Amino acid sequence: MTRVAIVTGGTRGIGHAISVGLKAKGYRVAATYAGNDAAAQQFQAETGIPVYKWDVSSYDACVAGLAQVEKDLGPIDVLVNNAGITKDSMFHKMTPDQWYGVINTNLNSLFNMTRPVWEGMRARKFGRVICISSVNGQKGQMGQVNYSAAKSGDIGFVKALAQEGARAGITVNAICPGYIATEMVKAIDPAVLEKSILPFIPVGRLGEPEEIARCVAFLAADDAGFITGATITANGGQYMI
């Protein structure tokens, strides 16, 4: 039986690597995106993975979108909650839009995406929910109170929901990437990378998106059924817990 996986924010960056990695493992994959039509269409043409456009901060949009994916591909077995945004600001300057925009996309989306597929997973006695959190959800980051709060909330979501899904054969886990070599990170001033970021990563380099994708593939596998409520910290030693 070929399992169906869906990856939110699955056409770019870490999400791109996750989508491609899961397809390589034999999953039927759907990738969602929010706004960059050109990048999504290029991704679909290059990978053969179908793309679906909706706003994961909207519950109704998630319900409708997930119904379409299941109609096209079949019941969803693996959900990767990867979509996320940043709206950085020092807290004394942070606006309500910056706060709620990040909370809605990075945290509330976990409910919006997981709730509609949860009952089906329970009925089938199998499911994998994998949430991409962040090192900054573990240690906090100045200028990212909104982002750190949301990503920390992701970890709490995982720990609680894992307890509810365990008897139904559903695992719920988190992955906390550190600095990964995506377009966003590569756009950082090289001088800032060399002086303020790389010296604090013991392995001495940025992570690769494919390294996070391999963590996802491990947790998604049927053989990972004894691992739930866990957090994989993939940050090159930058922060250890």
C-alpha atoms as a PDB file:
ATOM      1  CA  MET A   1       0.000   0.000   0.000  1.00  0.00           C
ATOM      2  CA  THR A   2       1.359   3.391  -0.991  1.00  0.00           C
ATOM      3  CA  ARG A   3       0.915   5.924   1.790  1.00  0.00           C
ATOM      4  CA  VAL A   4      -0.159   9.496   1.110  1.00  0.00           C
ATOM      5  CA  ALA A   5       1.799  12.410   2.580  1.00  0.00           C
ATOM      6  CA  ILE A   6       1.099  16.121   2.529  1.00  0.00           C
ATOM      7  CA  VAL A   7       3.680  18.815   3.215  1.00  0.00           C
ATOM      8  CA  THR A   8       2.597  22.368   3.966  1.00  0.00           C
ATOM      9  CA  GLY A   9       4.895  24.998   2.538  1.00  0.00           C
ATOM     10  CA  GLY A  10       6.180  22.091   0.520  1.00  0.00           C
ATOM     11  CA  THR A  11       7.445  23.758  -2.647  1.00  0.00           C
ATOM     12  CA  ARG A  12      10.388  25.809  -1.378  1.00  0.00           C
ATOM     13  CA  GLY A  13      13.263  25.577   1.073  1.00  0.00           C
ATOM     14  CA  ILE A  14      13.048  22.865   3.695  1.00  0.00           C
ATOM     15  CA  GLY A  15       9.554  21.947   2.496  1.00  0.00           C
ATOM     16  CA  HIS A  16      10.850  21.328  -1.027  1.00  0.00           C
ATOM     17  CA  ALA A  17      13.460  18.905   0.305  1.00  0.00           C
ATOM     18  CA  ILE A  18      10.876  17.136   2.472  1.00  0.00           C
ATOM     19  CA  SER A  19       8.449  16.705  -0.416  1.00  0.00           C
ATOM     20  CA  VAL A  20      11.131  15.336  -2.719  1.00  0.00           C
ATOM     21  CA  GLY A  21      12.566  13.123   0.015  1.00  0.00           C
ATOM     22  CA  LEU A  22       9.215  11.549   0.811  1.00  0.00           C
ATOM     23  CA  LYS A  23       8.485  10.923  -2.858  1.00  0.00           C
ATOM     24  CA  ALA A  24      11.858   9.184  -3.152  1.00  0.00           C
ATOM     25  CA  LYS A  25      10.784   6.906  -0.288  1.00  0.00           C
ATOM     26  CA  GLY A  26       7.689   5.867  -2.231  1.00  0.00           C
ATOM     27  CA  TYR A  27       5.012   8.111  -0.764  1.00  0.00           C
ATOM     28  CA  ARG A  28       2.345   9.785  -2.861  1.00  0.00           C
ATOM     29  CA  VAL A  29       3.059  13.401  -1.971  1.00  0.00           C
ATOM     30  CA  ALA A  30       1.039  16.601  -2.137  1.00  0.00           C
ATOM     31  CA  ALA A  31       2.698  19.957  -1.471  1.00  0.00           C
ATOM     32  CA  THR A  32       0.835  23.077  -0.407  1.00  0.00           C
ATOM     33  CA  TYR A  33       1.892  26.666  -0.896  1.00  0.00           C
ATOM     34  CA  ALA A  34       0.442  30.086  -0.152  1.00  0.00           C
ATOM     35  CA  GLY A  35       1.455  32.654  -2.725  1.00  0.00           C
ATOM     36  CA  ASN A  36       4.375  32.080  -5.091  1.00  0.00           C
ATOM     37  CA  ASP A  37       2.618  30.608  -8.115  1.00  0.00           C
ATOM     38  CA  ALA A  38       5.696  30.660 -10.349  1.00  0.00           C
ATOM     39  CA  ALA A  39       7.837  28.743  -7.866  1.00  0.00           C
ATOM     40  CA  ALA A  40       5.045  26.237  -7.236  1.00  0.00           C
ATOM     41  CA  GLN A  41       4.494  25.533 -10.909  1.00  0.00           C
ATOM     42  CA  GLN A  42       8.223  25.124 -11.474  1.00  0.00           C
ATOM     43  CA  PHE A  43       8.404  22.749  -8.514  1.00  0.00           C
ATOM     44  CA  GLN A  44       5.522  20.662  -9.884  1.00  0.00           C
ATOM     45  CA  ALA A  45       7.058  20.525 -13.363  1.00  0.00           C
ATOM     46  CA  GLU A  46      10.454  19.468 -12.022  1.00  0.00           C
ATOM     47  CA  THR A  47       9.305  16.932  -9.418  1.00  0.00           C
ATOM     48  CA  GLY A  48       5.953  15.648 -10.659  1.00  0.00           C
ATOM     49  CA  ILE A  49       4.518  16.342  -7.205  1.00  0.00           C
ATOM     50  CA  PRO A  50       1.045  17.944  -7.339  1.00  0.00           C
ATOM     51  CA  VAL A  51       0.714  21.334  -5.679  1.00  0.00           C
ATOM     52  CA  TYR A  52      -2.273  22.869  -3.926  1.00  0.00           C
ATOM     53  CA  LYS A  53      -2.693  26.525  -3.031  1.00  0.00           C
ATOM     54  CA  TRP A  54      -4.367  27.645   0.164  1.00  0.00           C
ATOM     55  CA  ASP A  55      -3.789  29.675   3.313  1.00  0.00           C
ATOM     56  CA  VAL A  56      -3.003  27.341   6.212  1.00  0.00           C
ATOM     57  CA  SER A  57      -4.019  30.055   8.682  1.00  0.00           C
ATOM     58  CA  SER A  58      -7.638  29.576   7.535  1.00  0.00           C
ATOM     59  CA  TYR A  59      -9.436  26.546   8.972  1.00  0.00           C
ATOM     60  CA  ASP A  60     -12.074  26.538   6.245  1.00  0.00           C
ATOM     61  CA  ALA A  61      -9.410  26.695   3.526  1.00  0.00           C
ATOM     62  CA  CYS A  62      -7.606  23.734   5.120  1.00  0.00           C
ATOM     63  CA  VAL A  63     -10.789  21.670   5.322  1.00  0.00           C
ATOM     64  CA  ALA A  64     -11.578  22.306   1.654  1.00  0.00           C
ATOM     65  CA  GLY A  65      -7.995  21.816   0.497  1.00  0.00           C
ATOM     66  CA  LEU A  66      -7.479  18.590   2.395  1.00  0.00           C
ATOM     67  CA  ALA A  67     -10.742  17.207   1.044  1.00  0.00           C
ATOM     68  CA  GLN A  68      -9.490  17.861  -2.488  1.00  0.00           C
ATOM     69  CA  VAL A  69      -6.134  16.205  -1.792  1.00  0.00           C
ATOM     70  CA  GLU A  70      -7.835  13.118  -0.391  1.00  0.00           C
ATOM     71  CA  LYS A  71     -10.152  13.020  -3.401  1.00  0.00           C
ATOM     72  CA  ASP A  72      -7.153  13.177  -5.738  1.00  0.00           C
ATOM     73  CA  LEU A  73      -4.641  10.980  -3.900  1.00  0.00           C
ATOM     74  CA  GLY A  74      -6.454   9.080  -1.155  1.00  0.00           C
ATOM     75  CA  PRO A  75      -6.631   9.315   2.641  1.00  0.00           C
ATOM     76  CA  ILE A  76      -3.747  11.229   4.196  1.00  0.00           C
ATOM     77  CA  ASP A  77      -1.428   9.054   6.290  1.00  0.00           C
ATOM     78  CA  VAL A  78       1.432  11.501   6.868  1.00  0.00           C
ATOM     79  CA  LEU A  79       1.010  15.196   7.637  1.00  0.00           C
ATOM     80  CA  VAL A  80       4.068  17.438   7.736  1.00  0.00           C
ATOM     81  CA  ASN A  81       3.259  20.825   9.238  1.00  0.00           C
ATOM     82  CA  ASN A  82       6.121  22.808   7.751  1.00  0.00           C
ATOM     83  CA  ALA A  83       4.596  26.120   6.592  1.00  0.00           C
ATOM     84  CA  GLY A  84       5.937  29.148   8.402  1.00  0.00           C
ATOM     85  CA  ILE A  85       6.659  32.842   8.077  1.00  0.00           C
ATOM     86  CA  THR A  86       8.704  35.447   9.914  1.00  0.00           C
ATOM     87  CA  LYS A  87       7.786  39.038  10.750  1.00  0.00           C
ATOM     88  CA  ASP A  88      10.688  40.001  12.931  1.00  0.00           C
ATOM     89  CA  SER A  89      10.701  43.039  15.186  1.00  0.00           C
ATOM     90  CA  MET A  90      11.828  44.036  18.637  1.00  0.00           C
ATOM     91  CA  PHE A  91       8.835  43.534  20.910  1.00  0.00           C
ATOM     92  CA  HIS A  92       8.467  47.218  21.821  1.00  0.00           C
ATOM     93  CA  LYS A  93       7.965  47.929  18.120  1.00  0.00           C
ATOM     94  CA  MET A  94       5.950  44.819  17.219  1.00  0.00           C
ATOM     95  CA  THR A  95       2.546  45.427  15.660  1.00  0.00           C
ATOM     96  CA  PRO A  96      -0.583  43.287  16.045  1.00  0.00           C
ATOM     97  CA  ASP A  97      -0.209  42.273  12.395  1.00  0.00           C
ATOM     98  CA  GLN A  98       3.314  41.028  13.023  1.00  0.00           C
ATOM     99  CA  TRP A  99       2.188  39.101  16.096  1.00  0.00           C
ATOM    100  CA  TYR A 100      -1.010  37.532  14.798  1.00  0.00           C
ATOM    101  CA  GLY A 101       0.333  36.912  11.315  1.00  0.00           C
ATOM    102  CA  VAL A 102       3.107  34.694  12.659  1.00  0.00           C
ATOM    103  CA  ILE A 103       0.982  33.023  15.334  1.00  0.00           C
ATOM    104  CA  ASN A 104      -1.777  32.217  12.851  1.00  0.00           C
ATOM    105  CA  THR A 105       0.528  30.746  10.212  1.00  0.00           C
ATOM    106  CA  ASN A 106       3.116  29.060  12.415  1.00  0.00           C
ATOM    107  CA  LEU A 107       0.968  27.785  15.289  1.00  0.00           C
ATOM    108  CA  ASN A 108      -2.759  27.940  14.558  1.00  0.00           C
ATOM    109  CA  SER A 109      -2.122  26.165  11.255  1.00  0.00           C
ATOM    110  CA  LEU A 110      -1.252  23.033  13.225  1.00  0.00           C
ATOM    111  CA  PHE A 111      -4.847  22.830  14.443  1.00  0.00           C
ATOM    112  CA  ASN A 112      -6.225  23.848  11.049  1.00  0.00           C
ATOM    113  CA  MET A 113      -4.330  21.106   9.211  1.00  0.00           C
ATOM    114  CA  THR A 114      -4.326  18.335  11.797  1.00  0.00           C
ATOM    115  CA  ARG A 115      -7.915  18.449  13.031  1.00  0.00           C
ATOM    116  CA  PRO A 116      -9.494  17.610   9.626  1.00  0.00           C
ATOM    117  CA  VAL A 117      -7.294  14.510   9.115  1.00  0.00           C
ATOM    118  CA  TRP A 118      -7.222  13.319  12.727  1.00  0.00           C
ATOM    119  CA  GLU A 119     -10.451  11.331  12.751  1.00  0.00           C
ATOM    120  CA  GLY A 120      -9.492   9.496   9.573  1.00  0.00           C
ATOM    121  CA  MET A 121      -6.140   8.542  11.063  1.00  0.00           C
ATOM    122  CA  ARG A 122      -7.877   7.310  14.214  1.00  0.00           C
ATOM    123  CA  ALA A 123     -10.311   5.227  12.190  1.00  0.00           C
ATOM    124  CA  ARG A 124      -7.510   3.643  10.140  1.00  0.00           C
ATOM    125  CA  LYS A 125      -5.341   3.129  13.249  1.00  0.00           C
ATOM    126  CA  PHE A 126      -2.356   4.763  11.592  1.00  0.00           C
ATOM    127  CA  GLY A 127      -1.011   8.273  11.244  1.00  0.00           C
ATOM    128  CA  ARG A 128       2.129  10.343  11.303  1.00  0.00           C
ATOM    129  CA  VAL A 129       2.004  14.026  12.241  1.00  0.00           C
ATOM    130  CA  ILE A 130       5.359  15.791  12.023  1.00  0.00           C
ATOM    131  CA  CYS A 131       5.700  19.455  12.960  1.00  0.00           C
ATOM    132  CA  ILE A 132       8.672  21.556  11.920  1.00  0.00           C
ATOM    133  CA  SER A 133       9.470  23.776  14.881  1.00  0.00           C
ATOM    134  CA  SER A 134      12.776  25.641  15.324  1.00  0.00           C
ATOM    135  CA  VAL A 135      15.819  26.002  17.515  1.00  0.00           C
ATOM    136  CA  ASN A 136      14.383  29.413  18.389  1.00  0.00           C
ATOM    137  CA  GLY A 137      11.294  27.720  19.769  1.00  0.00           C
ATOM    138  CA  GLN A 138      13.633  25.936  22.183  1.00  0.00           C
ATOM    139  CA  LYS A 139      15.973  28.735  23.232  1.00  0.00           C
ATOM    140  CA  GLY A 140      14.164  31.927  22.200  1.00  0.00           C
ATOM    141  CA  GLN A 141      15.569  34.665  19.983  1.00  0.00           C
ATOM    142  CA  MET A 142      15.703  38.413  20.452  1.00  0.00           C
ATOM    143  CA  GLY A 143      13.617  40.170  17.814  1.00  0.00           C
ATOM    144  CA  GLN A 144      11.513  37.044  17.290  1.00  0.00           C
ATOM    145  CA  VAL A 145       9.135  36.941  20.249  1.00  0.00           C
ATOM    146  CA  ASN A 146       6.253  36.110  17.905  1.00  0.00           C
ATOM    147  CA  TYR A 147       8.192  33.403  16.037  1.00  0.00           C
ATOM    148  CA  SER A 148       9.729  31.893  19.172  1.00  0.00           C
ATOM    149  CA  ALA A 149       6.338  31.792  20.906  1.00  0.00           C
ATOM    150  CA  ALA A 150       4.726  30.049  17.937  1.00  0.00           C
ATOM    151  CA  LYS A 151       7.526  27.520  17.503  1.00  0.00           C
ATOM    152  CA  SER A 152       7.573  26.770  21.222  1.00  0.00           C
ATOM    153  CA  GLY A 153       3.819  26.263  20.994  1.00  0.00           C
ATOM    154  CA  ASP A 154       4.425  23.724  18.226  1.00  0.00           C
ATOM    155  CA  ILE A 155       6.404  21.609  20.682  1.00  0.00           C
ATOM    156  CA  GLY A 156       3.647  21.778  23.297  1.00  0.00           C
ATOM    157  CA  PHE A 157       1.109  20.792  20.636  1.00  0.00           C
ATOM    158  CA  VAL A 158       3.188  17.727  19.782  1.00  0.00           C
ATOM    159  CA  LYS A 159       3.669  16.594  23.374  1.00  0.00           C
ATOM    160  CA  ALA A 160      -0.029  16.804  24.201  1.00  0.00           C
ATOM    161  CA  LEU A 161      -1.439  15.399  20.969  1.00  0.00           C
ATOM    162  CA  ALA A 162       1.016  12.504  21.004  1.00  0.00           C
ATOM    163  CA  GLN A 163      -0.634  11.258  24.183  1.00  0.00           C
ATOM    164  CA  GLU A 164      -4.048  11.294  22.501  1.00  0.00           C
ATOM    165  CA  GLY A 165      -2.896   9.543  19.348  1.00  0.00           C
ATOM    166  CA  ALA A 166      -0.726   6.840  20.878  1.00  0.00           C
ATOM    167  CA  ARG A 167      -3.408   4.179  21.400  1.00  0.00           C
ATOM    168  CA  ALA A 168      -4.751   4.826  17.898  1.00  0.00           C
ATOM    169  CA  GLY A 169      -1.456   4.128  16.154  1.00  0.00           C
ATOM    170  CA  ILE A 170      -0.774   7.805  15.463  1.00  0.00           C
ATOM    171  CA  THR A 171       2.594   9.317  16.297  1.00  0.00           C
ATOM    172  CA  VAL A 172       3.119  13.057  16.687  1.00  0.00           C
ATOM    173  CA  ASN A 173       6.649  14.450  16.703  1.00  0.00           C
ATOM    174  CA  ALA A 174       8.579  17.673  16.208  1.00  0.00           C
ATOM    175  CA  ILE A 175      11.799  18.566  14.440  1.00  0.00           C
ATOM    176  CA  CYS A 176      13.700  21.700  15.474  1.00  0.00           C
ATOM    177  CA  PRO A 177      16.078  22.799  12.691  1.00  0.00           C
ATOM    178  CA  GLY A 178      18.847  25.249  13.363  1.00  0.00           C
ATOM    179  CA  TYR A 179      20.282  27.449  10.633  1.00  0.00           C
ATOM    180  CA  ILE A 180      19.630  25.678   7.326  1.00  0.00           C
ATOM    181  CA  ALA A 181      21.054  26.678   3.939  1.00  0.00           C
ATOM    182  CA  THR A 182      17.802  27.879   2.393  1.00  0.00           C
ATOM    183  CA  GLU A 183      17.423  30.930   0.151  1.00  0.00           C
ATOM    184  CA  MET A 184      16.394  33.007   3.165  1.00  0.00           C
ATOM    185  CA  VAL A 185      19.475  32.128   5.203  1.00  0.00           C
ATOM    186  CA  LYS A 186      21.827  32.374   2.230  1.00  0.00           C
ATOM    187  CA  ALA A 187      20.565  35.931   1.717  1.00  0.00           C
ATOM    188  CA  ILE A 188      22.058  36.972   5.070  1.00  0.00           C
ATOM    189  CA  ASP A 189      25.092  39.222   4.777  1.00  0.00           C
ATOM    190  CA  PRO A 190      28.111  36.887   4.532  1.00  0.00           C
ATOM    191  CA  ALA A 191      29.907  38.964   7.156  1.00  0.00           C
ATOM    192  CA  VAL A 192      27.026  38.402   9.579  1.00  0.00           C
ATOM    193  CA  LEU A 193      27.077  34.669   8.844  1.00  0.00           C
ATOM    194  CA  GLU A 194      30.819  34.465   9.460  1.00  0.00           C
ATOM    195  CA  LYS A 195      30.869  36.541  12.644  1.00  0.00           C
ATOM    196  CA  SER A 196      27.501  36.037  14.326  1.00  0.00           C
ATOM    197  CA  ILE A 197      26.110  32.670  13.223  1.00  0.00           C
ATOM    198  CA  LEU A 198      28.681  30.082  12.146  1.00  0.00           C
ATOM    199  CA  PRO A 199      30.927  30.509  15.234  1.00  0.00           C
ATOM    200  CA  PHE A 200      28.015  29.348  17.397  1.00  0.00           C
ATOM    201  CA  ILE A 201      27.411  26.156  15.400  1.00  0.00           C
ATOM    202  CA  PRO A 202      29.889  23.541  16.651  1.00  0.00           C
ATOM    203  CA  VAL A 203      29.917  21.575  13.395  1.00  0.00           C
ATOM    204  CA  GLY A 204      31.024  24.790  11.692  1.00  0.00           C
ATOM    205  CA  ARG A 205      28.500  24.959   8.869  1.00  0.00           C
ATOM    206  CA  LEU A 206      24.876  25.503   7.970  1.00  0.00           C
ATOM    207  CA  GLY A 207      22.596  22.501   7.759  1.00  0.00           C
ATOM    208  CA  GLU A 208      21.255  21.286   4.440  1.00  0.00           C
ATOM    209  CA  PRO A 209      17.498  21.034   3.735  1.00  0.00           C
ATOM    210  CA  GLU A 210      17.976  17.385   2.839  1.00  0.00           C
ATOM    211  CA  GLU A 211      19.237  16.690   6.361  1.00  0.00           C
ATOM    212  CA  ILE A 212      15.904  17.840   7.773  1.00  0.00           C
ATOM    213  CA  ALA A 213      14.092  15.843   5.097  1.00  0.00           C
ATOM    214  CA  ARG A 214      15.851  12.683   6.250  1.00  0.00           C
ATOM    215  CA  CYS A 215      14.634  13.323   9.799  1.00  0.00           C
ATOM    216  CA  VAL A 216      11.083  13.600   8.456  1.00  0.00           C
ATOM    217  CA  ALA A 217      11.395  10.392   6.443  1.00  0.00           C
ATOM    218  CA  PHE A 218      12.615   8.576   9.551  1.00  0.00           C
ATOM    219  CA  LEU A 219       9.662   9.723  11.663  1.00  0.00           C
ATOM    220  CA  ALA A 220       7.162   9.078   8.859  1.00  0.00           C
ATOM    221  CA  ALA A 221       8.139   5.447   8.397  1.00  0.00           C
ATOM    222  CA  ASP A 222       5.966   2.590   9.600  1.00  0.00           C
ATOM    223  CA  ASP A 223       8.961   1.381  11.611  1.00  0.00           C
ATOM    224  CA  ALA A 224       8.974   4.569  13.744  1.00  0.00           C
ATOM    225  CA  GLY A 225       5.794   3.632  15.610  1.00  0.00           C
ATOM    226  CA  PHE A 226       7.463   3.618  19.043  1.00  0.00           C
ATOM    227  CA  ILE A 227       8.657   7.220  18.743  1.00  0.00           C
ATOM    228  CA  THR A 228       6.034   9.798  19.669  1.00  0.00           C
ATOM    229  CA  GLY A 229       5.957  13.074  21.552  1.00  0.00           C
ATOM    230  CA  ALA A 230       9.634  13.483  20.697  1.00  0.00           C
ATOM    231  CA  THR A 231      11.653  16.438  19.461  1.00  0.00           C
ATOM    232  CA  ILE A 232      14.558  15.880  17.090  1.00  0.00           C
ATOM    233  CA  THR A 233      17.036  18.708  17.531  1.00  0.00           C
ATOM    234  CA  ALA A 234      18.873  19.151  14.226  1.00  0.00           C
ATOM    235  CA  ASN A 235      21.045  22.219  14.654  1.00  0.00           C
ATOM    236  CA  GLY A 236      24.706  21.141  14.408  1.00  0.00           C
ATOM    237  CA  GLY A 237      25.127  21.400  18.157  1.00  0.00           C
ATOM    238  CA  GLN A 238      24.103  25.064  18.363  1.00  0.00           C
ATOM    239  CA  TYR A 239      21.705  24.333  21.205  1.00  0.00           C
ATOM    240  CA  MET A 240      21.673  21.128  23.217  1.00  0.00           C
ATOM    241  CA  ILE A 241      18.916  19.859  25.474  1.00  0.00           C
END
